[in-house]
Structures are given as C-alpha cells and as structure tokens.
Amino acid sequence: MKRLKYLAFALGIIFLSVYLYQHFIYYMIPFNPLEEYATESPVDFHLTHNLSDGEEINAKTHDQKTCDLILEYLGNLELKPLKDKDARNALAKKENEGYITGMLKLDQSREIFISDLFINDPDVLHISSSIAGFKGEGYYKIVDSTFDYDYIMELIGNEEE
C-alpha cells in the first residue's frame, strides 16, 4: 500500500512537471529553429514585402554566398516561442500594416518559410517548413535584437550589381 502511494505521488509529480514545461517553461527559453540549419547550403531565398495598399515588392537571390549570409543572419536572431493566444493578440494590433514573407530553399524539396513579420514593428514572426520532422513551427518573438529588413535587402541588392 505504501509503494502504491509513492508511485501515485511520483506519477503526479511527473505529470505536473510535463504540464508546467509544455505550458510555461517552454515559452521562457529562447529557441531559434533555424540554428539547426545554419550549416546547410541554401540555394534560393525569396522575400516579399506586402504593402498595406495591396502592392508587393519582391526580391530574390540564387547566389550561394548571399543565401549563406541570410541563413546565418536568421539563425542568429534571438527568438522566444509564443503561445498562439499571445501571437494572435500581438498580430491583431498590426492588422493594416505592411508585412514580410520569405522562403529559404535548402534544396529541391526542403523549404523554410517566414511570414507575418510586420515591417513597422518587426518583433513577431511565424516560422514553418516543408521539412519532415521540422521542430519549431509556430510564432516567435524577436528579443534582444530586431529584424533588419534593410540589411536583407542590401544583401540581395548587392548581388545584382
């Protein structure tokens, strides 16, 4: 009987720990899912700046060196995962602003997508991927740094010169 009490207590502690991690601790730990791919060799990068009036500004690069610099920059961003509710609240305030979407292609079938990054206040972004088993799909808050849209455009612009 005593062992059964200890077993029930231990299982309760384990379940409580898992719950606390999944719902609170996970969102306090900085995590950038793009760091894992920093050693990859991207072959393509597309960036679209969607203006509030419906127009788009597109930029793309196929240059290996430029793509490597962009992946390194994205991998070095300080990101913290956001709960869906917090992400919806942050994005609701930015409804009619211009936003950025991007796609980093690693090879023919592996792509990483960045979306919902509002240009006037670039502090929240969504990361997803076509890579099977991609860990880290979701919304992230950029902390201790900012997304430098001008730097990315400068890299792509310098390639065309």
C-alpha atoms as a PDB file:
ATOM      1  CA  MET A   1       0.000   0.000   0.000  1.00  0.00           C
ATOM      2  CA  LYS A   2       2.855   2.343   0.838  1.00  0.00           C
ATOM      3  CA  ARG A   3       4.506   1.697  -2.557  1.00  0.00           C
ATOM      4  CA  LEU A   4       1.261   2.471  -4.319  1.00  0.00           C
ATOM      5  CA  LYS A   5       1.130   5.887  -2.602  1.00  0.00           C
ATOM      6  CA  TYR A   6       4.723   6.639  -3.614  1.00  0.00           C
ATOM      7  CA  LEU A   7       4.023   5.529  -7.177  1.00  0.00           C
ATOM      8  CA  ALA A   8       0.909   7.745  -7.377  1.00  0.00           C
ATOM      9  CA  PHE A   9       2.869  10.668  -5.906  1.00  0.00           C
ATOM     10  CA  ALA A  10       5.754  10.150  -8.365  1.00  0.00           C
ATOM     11  CA  LEU A  11       3.357   9.954 -11.344  1.00  0.00           C
ATOM     12  CA  GLY A  12       1.630  13.125 -10.144  1.00  0.00           C
ATOM     13  CA  ILE A  13       4.966  14.944  -9.967  1.00  0.00           C
ATOM     14  CA  ILE A  14       5.923  13.712 -13.457  1.00  0.00           C
ATOM     15  CA  PHE A  15       2.611  14.810 -14.995  1.00  0.00           C
ATOM     16  CA  LEU A  16       2.782  18.172 -13.234  1.00  0.00           C
ATOM     17  CA  SER A  17       6.355  18.690 -14.462  1.00  0.00           C
ATOM     18  CA  VAL A  18       5.416  17.884 -18.058  1.00  0.00           C
ATOM     19  CA  TYR A  19       2.409  20.208 -17.865  1.00  0.00           C
ATOM     20  CA  LEU A  20       4.467  23.066 -16.436  1.00  0.00           C
ATOM     21  CA  TYR A  21       7.143  22.610 -19.097  1.00  0.00           C
ATOM     22  CA  GLN A  22       4.698  22.462 -22.013  1.00  0.00           C
ATOM     23  CA  HIS A  23       2.594  25.408 -20.919  1.00  0.00           C
ATOM     24  CA  PHE A  24       5.023  27.760 -19.167  1.00  0.00           C
ATOM     25  CA  ILE A  25       8.731  26.908 -19.131  1.00  0.00           C
ATOM     26  CA  TYR A  26       8.949  26.150 -22.887  1.00  0.00           C
ATOM     27  CA  TYR A  27       7.840  29.716 -23.661  1.00  0.00           C
ATOM     28  CA  MET A  28      10.534  31.262 -21.440  1.00  0.00           C
ATOM     29  CA  ILE A  29      13.506  29.532 -23.091  1.00  0.00           C
ATOM     30  CA  PRO A  30      14.979  31.205 -26.201  1.00  0.00           C
ATOM     31  CA  PHE A  31      14.910  28.851 -29.173  1.00  0.00           C
ATOM     32  CA  ASN A  32      15.692  29.521 -32.815  1.00  0.00           C
ATOM     33  CA  PRO A  33      14.687  26.570 -35.036  1.00  0.00           C
ATOM     34  CA  LEU A  34      16.799  27.987 -37.873  1.00  0.00           C
ATOM     35  CA  GLU A  35      20.080  27.497 -35.954  1.00  0.00           C
ATOM     36  CA  GLU A  36      19.914  23.793 -36.726  1.00  0.00           C
ATOM     37  CA  TYR A  37      20.092  24.544 -40.453  1.00  0.00           C
ATOM     38  CA  ALA A  38      22.917  27.113 -40.252  1.00  0.00           C
ATOM     39  CA  THR A  39      25.383  24.559 -41.642  1.00  0.00           C
ATOM     40  CA  GLU A  40      23.152  23.780 -44.632  1.00  0.00           C
ATOM     41  CA  SER A  41      23.777  25.279 -48.045  1.00  0.00           C
ATOM     42  CA  PRO A  42      20.698  27.224 -49.107  1.00  0.00           C
ATOM     43  CA  VAL A  43      20.194  27.536 -52.852  1.00  0.00           C
ATOM     44  CA  ASP A  44      17.490  30.191 -53.029  1.00  0.00           C
ATOM     45  CA  PHE A  45      15.886  32.977 -50.992  1.00  0.00           C
ATOM     46  CA  HIS A  46      12.678  34.848 -51.844  1.00  0.00           C
ATOM     47  CA  LEU A  47      11.386  37.836 -49.922  1.00  0.00           C
ATOM     48  CA  THR A  48       8.062  39.593 -50.476  1.00  0.00           C
ATOM     49  CA  HIS A  49       7.161  42.873 -48.798  1.00  0.00           C
ATOM     50  CA  ASN A  50       3.366  43.119 -48.914  1.00  0.00           C
ATOM     51  CA  LEU A  51       2.388  46.782 -48.618  1.00  0.00           C
ATOM     52  CA  SER A  52      -0.771  47.878 -46.822  1.00  0.00           C
ATOM     53  CA  ASP A  53      -2.327  49.068 -50.117  1.00  0.00           C
ATOM     54  CA  GLY A  54      -2.075  45.570 -51.647  1.00  0.00           C
ATOM     55  CA  GLU A  55       1.092  46.087 -53.686  1.00  0.00           C
ATOM     56  CA  GLU A  56       4.104  43.794 -53.362  1.00  0.00           C
ATOM     57  CA  ILE A  57       7.842  44.318 -53.518  1.00  0.00           C
ATOM     58  CA  ASN A  58       9.641  41.103 -54.436  1.00  0.00           C
ATOM     59  CA  ALA A  59      13.307  40.302 -54.075  1.00  0.00           C
ATOM     60  CA  LYS A  60      15.138  37.044 -54.610  1.00  0.00           C
ATOM     61  CA  THR A  61      18.614  35.654 -54.770  1.00  0.00           C
ATOM     62  CA  HIS A  62      20.173  32.467 -56.065  1.00  0.00           C
ATOM     63  CA  ASP A  63      23.714  33.421 -55.054  1.00  0.00           C
ATOM     64  CA  GLN A  64      25.180  30.850 -52.646  1.00  0.00           C
ATOM     65  CA  LYS A  65      27.181  33.390 -50.628  1.00  0.00           C
ATOM     66  CA  THR A  66      24.208  35.732 -50.198  1.00  0.00           C
ATOM     67  CA  CYS A  67      21.921  32.852 -49.184  1.00  0.00           C
ATOM     68  CA  ASP A  68      24.521  31.696 -46.639  1.00  0.00           C
ATOM     69  CA  LEU A  69      24.697  35.207 -45.139  1.00  0.00           C
ATOM     70  CA  ILE A  70      20.891  35.419 -44.932  1.00  0.00           C
ATOM     71  CA  LEU A  71      20.636  31.991 -43.255  1.00  0.00           C
ATOM     72  CA  GLU A  72      23.391  32.971 -40.822  1.00  0.00           C
ATOM     73  CA  TYR A  73      21.560  36.219 -40.012  1.00  0.00           C
ATOM     74  CA  LEU A  74      18.235  34.419 -39.480  1.00  0.00           C
ATOM     75  CA  GLY A  75      19.920  31.734 -37.385  1.00  0.00           C
ATOM     76  CA  ASN A  76      21.474  34.358 -35.098  1.00  0.00           C
ATOM     77  CA  LEU A  77      18.173  36.063 -34.231  1.00  0.00           C
ATOM     78  CA  GLU A  78      17.189  35.736 -30.556  1.00  0.00           C
ATOM     79  CA  LEU A  79      13.741  34.116 -30.695  1.00  0.00           C
ATOM     80  CA  LYS A  80      11.329  33.014 -27.975  1.00  0.00           C
ATOM     81  CA  PRO A  81       8.323  30.818 -28.772  1.00  0.00           C
ATOM     82  CA  LEU A  82       4.927  32.458 -28.344  1.00  0.00           C
ATOM     83  CA  LYS A  83       1.675  30.853 -27.295  1.00  0.00           C
ATOM     84  CA  ASP A  84      -0.969  31.040 -30.021  1.00  0.00           C
ATOM     85  CA  LYS A  85      -3.108  33.377 -27.914  1.00  0.00           C
ATOM     86  CA  ASP A  86      -0.197  35.794 -27.361  1.00  0.00           C
ATOM     87  CA  ALA A  87       0.671  35.703 -31.068  1.00  0.00           C
ATOM     88  CA  ARG A  88      -2.918  36.471 -32.087  1.00  0.00           C
ATOM     89  CA  ASN A  89      -3.006  39.407 -29.661  1.00  0.00           C
ATOM     90  CA  ALA A  90       0.282  40.798 -30.980  1.00  0.00           C
ATOM     91  CA  LEU A  91      -0.781  40.436 -34.613  1.00  0.00           C
ATOM     92  CA  ALA A  92      -4.272  41.871 -34.073  1.00  0.00           C
ATOM     93  CA  LYS A  93      -2.736  45.255 -33.267  1.00  0.00           C
ATOM     94  CA  LYS A  94      -0.950  45.317 -36.624  1.00  0.00           C
ATOM     95  CA  GLU A  95      -3.863  44.458 -38.883  1.00  0.00           C
ATOM     96  CA  ASN A  96      -3.451  47.058 -41.656  1.00  0.00           C
ATOM     97  CA  GLU A  97       0.345  47.300 -41.804  1.00  0.00           C
ATOM     98  CA  GLY A  98       2.718  46.085 -44.458  1.00  0.00           C
ATOM     99  CA  TYR A  99       4.282  42.704 -43.738  1.00  0.00           C
ATOM    100  CA  ILE A 100       7.060  40.472 -44.986  1.00  0.00           C
ATOM    101  CA  THR A 101       7.021  36.854 -46.089  1.00  0.00           C
ATOM    102  CA  GLY A 102      10.068  34.892 -47.103  1.00  0.00           C
ATOM    103  CA  MET A 103      11.143  31.474 -48.253  1.00  0.00           C
ATOM    104  CA  LEU A 104      14.565  29.929 -47.860  1.00  0.00           C
ATOM    105  CA  LYS A 105      15.057  26.919 -50.119  1.00  0.00           C
ATOM    106  CA  LEU A 106      17.681  24.418 -48.968  1.00  0.00           C
ATOM    107  CA  ASP A 107      17.286  22.014 -51.891  1.00  0.00           C
ATOM    108  CA  GLN A 108      14.517  20.929 -54.271  1.00  0.00           C
ATOM    109  CA  SER A 109      12.102  19.720 -51.584  1.00  0.00           C
ATOM    110  CA  ARG A 110      13.204  21.394 -48.332  1.00  0.00           C
ATOM    111  CA  GLU A 111      11.987  24.903 -47.670  1.00  0.00           C
ATOM    112  CA  ILE A 112      11.708  27.134 -44.610  1.00  0.00           C
ATOM    113  CA  PHE A 113       9.001  29.801 -44.593  1.00  0.00           C
ATOM    114  CA  ILE A 114       8.989  33.038 -42.623  1.00  0.00           C
ATOM    115  CA  SER A 115       5.755  35.005 -42.530  1.00  0.00           C
ATOM    116  CA  ASP A 116       3.659  37.514 -40.579  1.00  0.00           C
ATOM    117  CA  LEU A 117       6.630  39.805 -39.924  1.00  0.00           C
ATOM    118  CA  PHE A 118       5.249  43.348 -39.846  1.00  0.00           C
ATOM    119  CA  ILE A 119       7.718  45.904 -41.156  1.00  0.00           C
ATOM    120  CA  ASN A 120       6.790  48.816 -38.867  1.00  0.00           C
ATOM    121  CA  ASP A 121       7.219  46.718 -35.721  1.00  0.00           C
ATOM    122  CA  PRO A 122       9.186  43.580 -36.630  1.00  0.00           C
ATOM    123  CA  ASP A 123       9.024  41.756 -33.326  1.00  0.00           C
ATOM    124  CA  VAL A 124       6.815  38.722 -34.087  1.00  0.00           C
ATOM    125  CA  LEU A 125       7.218  36.219 -36.922  1.00  0.00           C
ATOM    126  CA  HIS A 126       5.917  32.813 -37.930  1.00  0.00           C
ATOM    127  CA  ILE A 127       8.299  30.030 -38.942  1.00  0.00           C
ATOM    128  CA  SER A 128       7.185  26.891 -40.749  1.00  0.00           C
ATOM    129  CA  SER A 129       8.750  24.380 -43.085  1.00  0.00           C
ATOM    130  CA  SER A 130       8.136  21.656 -45.640  1.00  0.00           C
ATOM    131  CA  ILE A 131      10.879  19.609 -43.959  1.00  0.00           C
ATOM    132  CA  ALA A 132       9.539  16.397 -42.447  1.00  0.00           C
ATOM    133  CA  GLY A 133      10.028  16.439 -38.686  1.00  0.00           C
ATOM    134  CA  PHE A 134      10.745  20.167 -38.543  1.00  0.00           C
ATOM    135  CA  LYS A 135      10.806  21.124 -34.883  1.00  0.00           C
ATOM    136  CA  GLY A 136       9.777  24.618 -34.057  1.00  0.00           C
ATOM    137  CA  GLU A 137       6.873  25.507 -36.292  1.00  0.00           C
ATOM    138  CA  GLY A 138       4.983  28.405 -34.777  1.00  0.00           C
ATOM    139  CA  TYR A 139       5.123  32.042 -33.774  1.00  0.00           C
ATOM    140  CA  TYR A 140       8.223  33.605 -32.231  1.00  0.00           C
ATOM    141  CA  LYS A 141       9.007  36.924 -30.600  1.00  0.00           C
ATOM    142  CA  ILE A 142      12.314  38.532 -31.524  1.00  0.00           C
ATOM    143  CA  VAL A 143      14.096  39.534 -28.295  1.00  0.00           C
ATOM    144  CA  ASP A 144      17.385  41.362 -27.681  1.00  0.00           C
ATOM    145  CA  SER A 145      17.597  42.155 -31.390  1.00  0.00           C
ATOM    146  CA  THR A 146      15.440  43.360 -34.239  1.00  0.00           C
ATOM    147  CA  PHE A 147      14.777  42.063 -37.717  1.00  0.00           C
ATOM    148  CA  ASP A 148      16.817  44.199 -40.073  1.00  0.00           C
ATOM    149  CA  TYR A 149      14.825  44.282 -43.312  1.00  0.00           C
ATOM    150  CA  ASP A 150      17.213  46.839 -44.815  1.00  0.00           C
ATOM    151  CA  TYR A 151      20.207  44.526 -44.233  1.00  0.00           C
ATOM    152  CA  ILE A 152      18.485  41.656 -46.065  1.00  0.00           C
ATOM    153  CA  MET A 153      17.508  43.932 -48.963  1.00  0.00           C
ATOM    154  CA  GLU A 154      21.041  45.321 -49.092  1.00  0.00           C
ATOM    155  CA  LEU A 155      22.466  41.796 -49.353  1.00  0.00           C
ATOM    156  CA  ILE A 156      20.094  40.927 -52.186  1.00  0.00           C
ATOM    157  CA  GLY A 157      20.624  44.294 -53.870  1.00  0.00           C
ATOM    158  CA  ASN A 158      24.421  43.972 -53.758  1.00  0.00           C
ATOM    159  CA  GLU A 159      24.186  40.657 -55.567  1.00  0.00           C
ATOM    160  CA  GLU A 160      22.505  42.247 -58.585  1.00  0.00           C
ATOM    161  CA  GLU A 161      25.185  44.908 -59.030  1.00  0.00           C
END
